Protein backbone atom coordinates (compact mmCIF):
# COMPACT_ATOMS: atom_id res chain seq x y z
CA UNK A 1 25.10 6.80 -1.32
CA UNK A 2 22.74 8.78 -3.53
CA UNK A 3 19.17 9.79 -2.72
CA UNK A 4 17.65 6.96 -4.78
CA UNK A 5 19.45 4.37 -2.64
CA UNK A 6 18.26 6.15 0.51
CA UNK A 7 14.71 6.13 -0.86
CA UNK A 8 14.97 2.37 -1.40
CA UNK A 9 16.17 1.80 2.18
CA UNK A 10 13.30 3.86 3.54
CA UNK A 11 10.85 1.89 1.38
CA UNK A 12 12.35 -1.33 2.74
CA UNK A 13 11.88 0.00 6.28
CA UNK A 14 8.15 0.37 5.65
CA UNK A 15 7.78 3.91 4.32
CA UNK A 16 5.51 3.87 1.26
CA UNK A 17 5.79 7.56 0.44
CA UNK A 18 9.31 8.99 0.18
CA UNK A 19 10.18 12.31 -1.48
CA UNK A 20 13.56 13.57 -2.64
CA UNK A 21 14.14 17.32 -2.23
CA UNK A 22 10.41 18.14 -2.05
CA UNK A 23 9.14 21.70 -2.28
CA UNK A 24 6.84 22.14 0.68
CA UNK A 25 4.59 24.91 1.94
CA UNK A 26 5.76 26.26 5.28
CA UNK A 27 9.43 25.98 4.38
CA UNK A 28 11.36 28.83 2.83
CA UNK A 29 12.57 28.52 -0.74
CA UNK A 30 16.11 27.89 0.52
CA UNK A 31 15.11 25.06 2.89
CA UNK A 32 14.45 21.69 1.28
CA UNK A 33 14.89 18.30 2.98
CA UNK A 34 17.22 16.01 1.07
CA UNK A 35 14.83 13.11 1.68
CA UNK A 36 11.45 13.15 3.44
CA UNK A 37 9.41 10.08 4.39
CA UNK A 38 5.75 10.12 5.38
CA UNK A 39 4.00 7.79 7.84
CA UNK A 40 0.83 7.55 9.94
CA UNK A 41 0.49 9.44 13.21
CA UNK A 42 -1.49 8.19 16.22
CA UNK A 43 -4.74 9.27 14.53
CA UNK A 44 -4.01 7.49 11.26
CA UNK A 45 -3.23 10.68 9.34
CA UNK A 46 -0.29 10.66 6.94
CA UNK A 47 2.30 13.19 8.21
CA UNK A 48 5.97 14.04 7.59
CA UNK A 49 7.70 11.50 9.83
CA UNK A 50 11.35 10.98 8.94
CA UNK A 51 13.83 13.36 7.33
CA UNK A 52 17.32 12.57 6.04
CA UNK A 53 20.16 15.00 5.43
CA UNK A 54 22.85 13.70 3.08
CA UNK A 55 26.46 14.81 3.63
CA UNK A 56 29.94 13.83 2.52
CA UNK A 57 33.10 13.09 4.49
CA UNK A 58 34.65 16.43 3.71
CA UNK A 59 31.88 18.08 5.75
CA UNK A 60 33.21 17.97 9.31
CA UNK A 61 30.91 16.49 11.96
CA UNK A 62 27.14 16.46 12.17
CA UNK A 63 26.55 19.99 13.43
CA UNK A 64 25.47 21.57 10.13
CA UNK A 65 23.14 18.67 9.33
CA UNK A 66 21.63 18.73 12.82
CA UNK A 67 20.90 22.44 12.55
CA UNK A 68 19.19 21.83 9.23
CA UNK A 69 17.18 18.96 10.71
CA UNK A 70 16.12 21.15 13.64
CA UNK A 71 14.82 23.83 11.27
CA UNK A 72 12.83 21.25 9.31
CA UNK A 73 11.45 19.63 12.48
CA UNK A 74 10.28 23.00 13.82
CA UNK A 75 8.37 23.63 10.58
CA UNK A 76 7.05 20.16 9.74
CA UNK A 77 6.89 18.38 13.12
CA UNK A 78 8.95 15.40 11.93
CA UNK A 79 9.70 12.60 14.42
CA UNK A 80 12.77 10.68 13.19
CA UNK A 81 15.89 12.45 11.93
CA UNK A 82 18.88 10.96 10.16
CA UNK A 83 22.19 12.01 8.70
CA UNK A 84 23.74 9.87 5.97
CA UNK A 85 27.46 10.44 5.37
CA UNK A 86 28.86 8.57 2.36
CA UNK A 87 26.38 5.75 2.85
CA UNK A 88 26.73 5.49 6.64
CA UNK A 89 23.55 6.13 8.61
CA UNK A 90 23.37 8.17 11.83
CA UNK A 91 20.23 8.71 13.91
CA UNK A 92 19.79 11.98 15.79
CA UNK A 93 18.67 12.07 19.42
CA UNK A 94 15.35 13.71 20.35
CA UNK A 95 17.02 17.03 21.10
CA UNK A 96 18.89 16.95 17.78
CA UNK A 97 22.18 17.58 19.57
CA UNK A 98 24.02 14.38 18.67
CA UNK A 99 23.80 11.57 16.10
CA UNK A 100 24.86 7.97 16.63
CA UNK A 101 25.63 5.26 14.06
CA UNK A 102 22.77 2.97 13.04
CA UNK A 103 22.47 0.23 10.43
CA UNK A 104 19.58 1.93 8.63
CA UNK A 105 16.27 3.72 9.12
CA UNK A 106 13.86 2.50 11.80
CA UNK A 107 10.36 1.44 10.76
CA UNK A 108 7.65 4.03 11.51
CA UNK A 109 5.94 3.45 14.86
CA UNK A 110 2.38 3.52 13.48
CA UNK A 111 3.08 2.10 10.04
CA UNK A 112 2.87 3.97 6.77
CA UNK A 113 -0.78 3.36 5.89
CA UNK A 114 -2.18 6.75 6.85
CA UNK A 115 -4.80 8.92 5.17
CA UNK A 116 -3.39 11.82 3.19
CA UNK A 117 -4.83 15.17 4.31
CA UNK A 118 -2.08 17.47 3.05
CA UNK A 119 -3.24 19.29 -0.10
CA UNK A 120 0.28 20.34 -1.09
CA UNK A 121 1.56 16.77 -0.96
CA UNK A 122 -1.43 15.47 -2.91
CA UNK A 123 -0.84 18.17 -5.51
CA UNK A 124 2.80 17.21 -5.88
CA UNK A 125 1.89 13.54 -6.32
CA UNK A 126 -0.63 14.35 -9.05
CA UNK A 127 1.88 16.64 -10.76
CA UNK A 128 4.58 13.97 -10.56
CA UNK A 129 2.22 11.52 -12.24
CA UNK A 130 1.43 14.06 -14.96
CA UNK A 131 5.07 14.93 -15.66
CA UNK A 132 6.08 11.26 -15.77
CA UNK A 133 3.32 10.59 -18.31
CA UNK A 134 4.32 13.70 -20.29
CA UNK A 135 7.95 12.59 -20.41
CA UNK A 136 6.93 9.13 -21.62
CA UNK A 137 4.89 10.66 -24.44
CA UNK A 138 7.77 12.91 -25.46
CA UNK A 139 10.14 9.94 -25.39
CA UNK A 140 7.75 8.02 -27.65
CA UNK A 141 7.59 10.94 -30.07
CA UNK A 142 3.95 11.70 -29.32
CA UNK A 143 2.49 15.20 -29.48
CA UNK A 144 2.00 16.59 -25.99
CA UNK A 145 -1.36 18.22 -25.28
CA UNK A 146 -1.48 19.21 -21.60
CA UNK A 147 -5.27 19.30 -21.41
CA UNK A 148 -5.63 15.96 -23.18
CA UNK A 149 -3.11 14.41 -20.80
CA UNK A 150 -4.86 15.91 -17.80
CA UNK A 151 -8.24 14.65 -19.02
CA UNK A 152 -6.79 11.14 -19.38
CA UNK A 153 -5.16 11.00 -15.94
CA UNK A 154 -7.38 13.13 -13.69
CA UNK A 155 -10.18 10.59 -13.05
CA UNK A 156 -7.67 8.10 -11.66
CA UNK A 157 -6.14 10.81 -9.48
CA UNK A 158 -9.50 11.61 -7.85
CA UNK A 159 -10.57 8.03 -7.17
CA UNK A 160 -9.60 8.10 -3.48
CA UNK A 161 -6.05 6.82 -3.87
CA UNK A 162 -2.81 8.17 -5.28
CA UNK A 163 0.12 6.08 -6.43
CA UNK A 164 3.50 6.96 -4.95
CA UNK A 165 6.71 6.57 -6.93
CA UNK A 166 7.40 3.35 -5.03
CA UNK A 167 4.21 1.89 -6.51
CA UNK A 168 2.41 1.93 -3.17
CA UNK A 169 -1.08 3.42 -3.04
CA UNK A 170 -1.79 6.32 -0.70
CA UNK A 171 -5.33 6.87 0.56
CA UNK A 172 -6.55 10.46 0.54
CA UNK A 173 -9.60 12.43 1.62
CA UNK A 174 -11.97 13.30 -1.21
CA UNK A 175 -11.85 17.03 -0.44
CA UNK A 176 -8.04 16.93 -0.44
CA UNK A 177 -7.98 15.28 -3.86
CA UNK A 178 -10.48 17.80 -5.24
CA UNK A 179 -8.39 20.76 -4.12
CA UNK A 180 -5.17 19.09 -5.23
CA UNK A 181 -6.61 18.32 -8.65
CA UNK A 182 -7.50 21.98 -9.13
CA UNK A 183 -4.05 23.16 -8.07
CA UNK A 184 -2.32 20.60 -10.26
CA UNK A 185 -4.40 21.66 -13.26
CA UNK A 186 -3.42 25.31 -12.85
CA UNK A 187 0.25 24.51 -12.30
CA UNK A 188 0.51 21.97 -15.12
CA UNK A 189 -1.27 24.00 -17.80
CA UNK A 190 0.61 27.19 -16.87
CA UNK A 191 3.76 25.51 -18.17
CA UNK A 192 2.20 25.07 -21.62
CA UNK A 193 1.65 28.28 -23.60
CA UNK A 194 -0.85 26.44 -25.80
CA UNK A 195 -3.20 25.58 -22.95
CA UNK A 196 -2.88 28.23 -20.23
CA UNK A 197 -5.47 30.32 -22.09
CA UNK A 198 -8.13 27.75 -21.17
CA UNK A 199 -7.62 27.96 -17.40
CA UNK A 200 -8.69 31.04 -15.43
CA UNK A 201 -6.37 32.84 -13.04
CA UNK A 202 -7.10 31.53 -9.49
CA UNK A 203 -7.18 35.07 -8.05
CA UNK A 204 -9.81 36.10 -10.61
CA UNK A 205 -11.89 32.99 -9.90
CA UNK A 206 -11.86 33.74 -6.17
CA UNK A 207 -12.76 37.39 -6.78
CA UNK A 208 -15.66 36.45 -9.05
CA UNK A 209 -17.04 34.13 -6.36
CA UNK A 210 -16.60 36.90 -3.78
CA UNK A 211 -18.49 39.35 -6.01
CA UNK A 212 -21.44 36.96 -5.96
CA UNK A 213 -22.05 38.41 -2.49
CA UNK A 214 -25.38 37.43 -0.96
CA UNK A 215 -26.39 35.74 -4.22
CA UNK A 216 -24.20 32.69 -3.55
CA UNK A 217 -27.04 30.17 -3.28
CA UNK A 218 -29.34 28.03 -5.39
CA UNK A 219 -28.37 27.11 -8.95
CA UNK A 220 -25.01 28.50 -10.07
CA UNK A 221 -24.36 28.36 -13.82
CA UNK A 222 -21.20 28.88 -15.84
CA UNK A 223 -22.24 28.82 -19.52
CA UNK A 224 -18.61 28.90 -20.68
CA UNK A 225 -17.17 26.78 -17.87
CA UNK A 226 -13.97 25.47 -19.45
CA UNK A 227 -12.41 23.30 -16.74
CA UNK A 228 -14.68 24.88 -14.12
CA UNK A 229 -12.49 27.22 -12.05
CA UNK A 230 -15.27 29.76 -11.41
CA UNK A 231 -17.64 27.01 -10.27
CA UNK A 232 -15.09 25.49 -7.91
CA UNK A 233 -14.39 28.91 -6.39
CA UNK A 234 -18.14 29.29 -5.88
CA UNK A 235 -18.19 25.91 -4.15
CA UNK A 236 -15.42 27.03 -1.79
CA UNK A 237 -17.35 30.16 -0.87
CA UNK A 238 -20.67 28.35 -0.51
CA UNK A 239 -19.16 25.77 1.84
CA UNK A 240 -17.46 28.49 3.90
CA UNK A 241 -20.75 30.40 4.17
CA UNK A 242 -22.86 27.26 4.79
CA UNK A 243 -24.93 28.00 1.67
CA UNK A 244 -26.72 25.36 -0.38
CA UNK A 245 -25.78 25.45 -4.07
CA UNK A 246 -25.99 23.29 -7.17
CA UNK A 247 -23.29 23.92 -9.77
CA UNK A 248 -23.91 23.56 -13.50
CA UNK A 249 -21.20 24.01 -16.10
CA UNK A 250 -21.70 24.14 -19.87
CA UNK A 251 -18.98 24.14 -22.51
CA UNK A 252 -18.73 23.34 -26.21
CA UNK A 253 -15.44 21.42 -25.81
CA UNK A 254 -15.73 17.74 -24.93
CA UNK A 255 -12.19 17.83 -23.53
CA UNK A 256 -13.04 20.68 -21.16
CA UNK A 257 -16.20 18.93 -20.06
CA UNK A 258 -14.28 15.72 -19.40
CA UNK A 259 -11.94 17.55 -17.01
CA UNK A 260 -14.76 19.57 -15.41
CA UNK A 261 -16.85 16.42 -14.94
CA UNK A 262 -13.99 14.67 -13.15
CA UNK A 263 -13.58 17.60 -10.77
CA UNK A 264 -17.35 17.87 -10.33
CA UNK A 265 -17.48 14.24 -9.20
CA UNK A 266 -15.23 15.10 -6.25
CA UNK A 267 -16.72 18.51 -5.42
CA UNK A 268 -18.14 19.07 -1.90
CA UNK A 269 -21.47 20.27 -3.36
CA UNK A 270 -23.74 18.89 -6.13
CA UNK A 271 -22.09 19.67 -9.46
CA UNK A 272 -22.33 18.58 -13.08
CA UNK A 273 -20.77 19.58 -16.39
CA UNK A 274 -22.65 19.36 -19.69
CA UNK A 275 -21.39 19.64 -23.25
CA UNK A 276 -23.48 22.16 -25.16
CA UNK A 277 -23.73 25.44 -27.03
CA UNK A 278 -24.15 28.33 -24.60
CA UNK A 279 -25.74 30.51 -27.28
CA UNK A 280 -28.65 28.16 -27.87
CA UNK A 281 -28.89 25.51 -25.14
CA UNK A 282 -28.92 26.98 -21.64
CA UNK A 283 -30.91 26.52 -18.44
CA UNK A 284 -33.13 29.45 -17.44
CA UNK A 285 -34.24 30.91 -14.11
CA UNK A 286 -30.88 30.25 -12.46
CA UNK A 287 -29.88 32.17 -9.35
CA UNK A 288 -26.32 33.07 -10.25
CA UNK A 289 -24.16 33.12 -13.38
CA UNK A 290 -20.37 33.20 -13.02
CA UNK A 291 -18.35 33.03 -16.22
CA UNK A 292 -15.38 34.10 -18.30
CA UNK A 293 -16.65 33.91 -21.89
CA UNK A 294 -14.10 33.61 -24.70
CA UNK A 295 -12.77 37.11 -25.40
CA UNK A 296 -13.13 38.63 -28.86
CA UNK A 297 -15.17 35.74 -30.25
CA UNK A 298 -16.91 36.27 -33.59
CA UNK A 299 -20.09 34.19 -33.89
CA UNK A 300 -20.83 32.34 -37.16
CA UNK A 301 -24.47 33.46 -37.09
CA UNK A 302 -26.40 36.44 -35.76
CA UNK A 303 -27.47 36.41 -32.10
CA UNK A 304 -30.58 38.40 -31.22
CA UNK A 305 -29.98 40.62 -28.20
CA UNK A 306 -32.54 41.55 -25.55
CA UNK A 307 -32.93 45.02 -27.07
CA UNK A 308 -34.13 43.51 -30.35
CA UNK A 309 -30.94 44.09 -32.36
CA UNK A 310 -28.71 41.32 -33.70
CA UNK A 311 -24.95 40.86 -33.51
CA UNK A 312 -22.10 38.46 -34.25
CA UNK A 313 -20.04 40.05 -31.46
CA UNK A 314 -19.43 37.20 -29.03
CA UNK A 315 -18.63 39.56 -26.15
CA UNK A 316 -22.05 41.22 -26.34
CA UNK A 317 -23.83 37.93 -26.99
CA UNK A 318 -22.19 36.34 -23.93
CA UNK A 319 -23.50 39.08 -21.64
CA UNK A 320 -26.93 38.68 -23.22
CA UNK A 321 -26.88 34.91 -22.70
CA UNK A 322 -25.99 35.35 -19.03
CA UNK A 323 -28.85 37.78 -18.40
CA UNK A 324 -31.38 35.58 -20.22
CA UNK A 325 -30.38 32.66 -17.98
CA UNK A 326 -31.11 34.52 -14.74
CA UNK A 327 -34.31 34.48 -12.76
CA UNK A 328 -35.71 37.84 -11.73
CA UNK A 329 -33.42 39.17 -9.00
CA UNK A 330 -30.55 36.90 -10.02
CA UNK A 331 -26.95 38.02 -10.47
CA UNK A 332 -24.30 37.57 -13.17
CA UNK A 333 -20.58 38.11 -12.53
CA UNK A 334 -18.58 38.01 -15.76
CA UNK A 335 -14.96 38.52 -16.78
CA UNK A 336 -15.26 40.29 -20.13
CA UNK A 337 -13.20 42.13 -22.71
CA UNK A 338 -12.55 45.83 -21.90
CA UNK A 339 -13.81 46.64 -25.40
CA UNK A 340 -17.39 45.91 -24.34
CA UNK A 341 -17.36 49.13 -22.32
CA UNK A 342 -16.48 51.46 -25.20
CA UNK A 343 -16.80 49.86 -28.67
CA UNK A 344 -19.24 51.72 -30.91
CA UNK A 345 -21.07 48.55 -31.98
CA UNK A 346 -22.15 47.99 -28.38
CA UNK A 347 -23.43 51.49 -27.61
CA UNK A 348 -27.13 50.71 -28.10
CA UNK A 349 -26.91 47.53 -26.02
CA UNK A 350 -24.99 49.29 -23.23
CA UNK A 351 -27.74 51.92 -23.12
CA UNK A 352 -30.38 49.18 -22.97
CA UNK A 353 -28.61 47.55 -20.01
CA UNK A 354 -28.25 50.86 -18.18
CA UNK A 355 -31.99 51.48 -18.50
CA UNK A 356 -33.31 47.96 -17.80
CA UNK A 357 -31.07 46.10 -15.34
CA UNK A 358 -28.79 46.92 -12.44
CA UNK A 359 -25.28 47.27 -13.85
CA UNK A 360 -23.92 46.95 -10.33
CA UNK A 361 -20.15 46.99 -10.83
CA UNK A 362 -17.42 47.52 -13.41
CA UNK A 363 -13.92 46.67 -12.20
CA UNK A 364 -11.11 47.15 -14.70
CA UNK A 365 -8.23 44.69 -14.38
CA UNK A 366 -4.77 45.05 -16.00
CA UNK A 367 -2.76 42.69 -18.17
CA UNK A 368 -2.05 39.36 -16.53
CA UNK A 369 -5.62 38.70 -15.47
CA UNK A 370 -6.33 36.56 -18.54
CA UNK A 371 -3.71 33.77 -18.80
CA UNK A 372 -2.26 33.23 -22.24
CA UNK A 373 -3.08 36.73 -23.49
CA UNK A 374 -1.53 40.16 -23.26
CA UNK A 375 -4.86 41.84 -22.57
CA UNK A 376 -6.62 43.11 -19.50
CA UNK A 377 -10.22 42.40 -18.58
CA UNK A 378 -13.25 43.84 -16.82
CA UNK A 379 -15.24 42.23 -14.03
CA UNK A 380 -18.88 43.05 -14.78
CA UNK A 381 -21.65 42.49 -12.22
CA UNK A 382 -25.27 42.65 -13.37
CA UNK A 383 -28.36 42.07 -11.23
CA UNK A 384 -31.69 41.34 -12.89
CA UNK A 385 -33.20 44.22 -10.92
CA UNK A 386 -34.11 47.86 -11.60
CA UNK A 387 -31.13 50.15 -12.29
CA UNK A 388 -29.11 51.74 -9.45
CA UNK A 389 -25.69 53.35 -9.18
CA UNK A 390 -22.68 51.47 -10.56
CA UNK A 391 -19.53 50.77 -8.57
CA UNK A 392 -16.57 51.61 -10.82
CA UNK A 393 -12.89 50.90 -10.16
CA UNK A 394 -9.73 50.57 -12.25
CA UNK A 395 -7.06 48.35 -10.71
CA UNK A 396 -3.31 48.54 -11.24
CA UNK A 397 -0.31 46.31 -10.61
CA UNK A 398 -1.52 45.43 -7.10
CA UNK A 399 -4.74 43.96 -8.49
CA UNK A 400 -4.28 40.62 -6.73
CA UNK A 401 -4.06 42.34 -3.34
CA UNK A 402 -7.02 44.55 -4.18
CA UNK A 403 -9.16 41.55 -5.15
CA UNK A 404 -8.02 39.23 -2.35
CA UNK A 405 -10.36 38.55 0.57
CA UNK A 406 -10.32 41.71 2.66
CA UNK A 407 -8.69 43.75 -0.13
CA UNK A 408 -9.81 47.34 -0.50
CA UNK A 409 -11.43 47.01 -3.93
CA UNK A 410 -13.27 43.75 -3.29
CA UNK A 411 -14.51 44.94 0.12
CA UNK A 412 -15.88 48.20 -1.28
CA UNK A 413 -17.44 46.45 -4.26
CA UNK A 414 -19.24 43.79 -2.20
CA UNK A 415 -20.56 46.44 0.21
CA UNK A 416 -22.05 48.29 -2.77
CA UNK A 417 -23.38 45.13 -4.42
CA UNK A 418 -25.25 43.95 -1.35
CA UNK A 419 -26.86 47.39 -0.89
CA UNK A 420 -29.58 47.03 -3.49
CA UNK A 421 -31.47 50.06 -2.17
CA UNK A 422 -29.03 52.60 -3.66
CA UNK A 423 -30.79 54.97 -6.06
CA UNK A 424 -29.63 55.47 -9.63
CA UNK A 425 -27.99 58.78 -10.45
């Protein structure tokens, strides 16, 4: 008996959600259940309930399968455990020491209609839906655009229900779907070299939100929001810190805004995404700007900078736009091109910034911090305050550890950022 037949029998027994060889958090890469079925617990939450190990006659006895089932139970807390040997079902006792013949799987004690609260499972269901749709498009000879596909399918995936492979609907918490949608977007687009450029690295997004420091409140703007990763990281931090925020994303691409709007609709804080031109149509007097402007962009027309000069350099113009959007005392945290720190055409503007605002931090990041490119980047923090000393750091291969919560670089940077009394030198 193959896994598809076992899936059918579990569906017939009342399990709506059945997975074959799922990859699950909490289990090592070498441990994967052959078949896993989910059902409701006593509180109505959807949990891993039944697990099946599939063996063949040439494998002597049940001992190897029972050991595998015990490992999975210890990690996932499963309740019912089965061994299927060439189509014959055996049910393990509670101690997982023996297995006795049974005609088929037993129906789950509390039914299968539970609420999904597992982000990893929700992510896998969204990804499965995306890959199935992608395969259908390839089969029909259609061009595959990962972002277009995601924009088409995401709203349905965040509606409060997910569709399992069996066709059954699975109810899910809104926050779970929001987090799962974000994870699925990152995972799905990372497989497409044509679209990974448009999605920020999750570790960078978290670091940018962390560098907001005490400024994580009020109106948070991303003038080049793309699909919104920096805004969603800010939402995570605001919720964790019990801060009140309103998120506003702006992007020129209607496709990006469609995805960002879908995610905004499920966000745990007020959020909206607007299609527009960041260089001419931006809110002002915002509390915080978090953004990763397009690197190396050449503008079609001149942009007048705050120092009175004009430029077509999109890197310089993006910094200028962010500062103009801030209220007095506001903060901007930007992921920018390293060239901004040394190119000759930016010397006058860099001097203007050093003399007129607080260039609070410059953190150099290596290659790998901008998906889809072979370049590094710089995390730039500017406060619309009088100048003080600048925190400067250049990160290496361990940049993710350095920028993770509690990492040496991020901890030192935030301590400096929140000390606004430091004198300029």
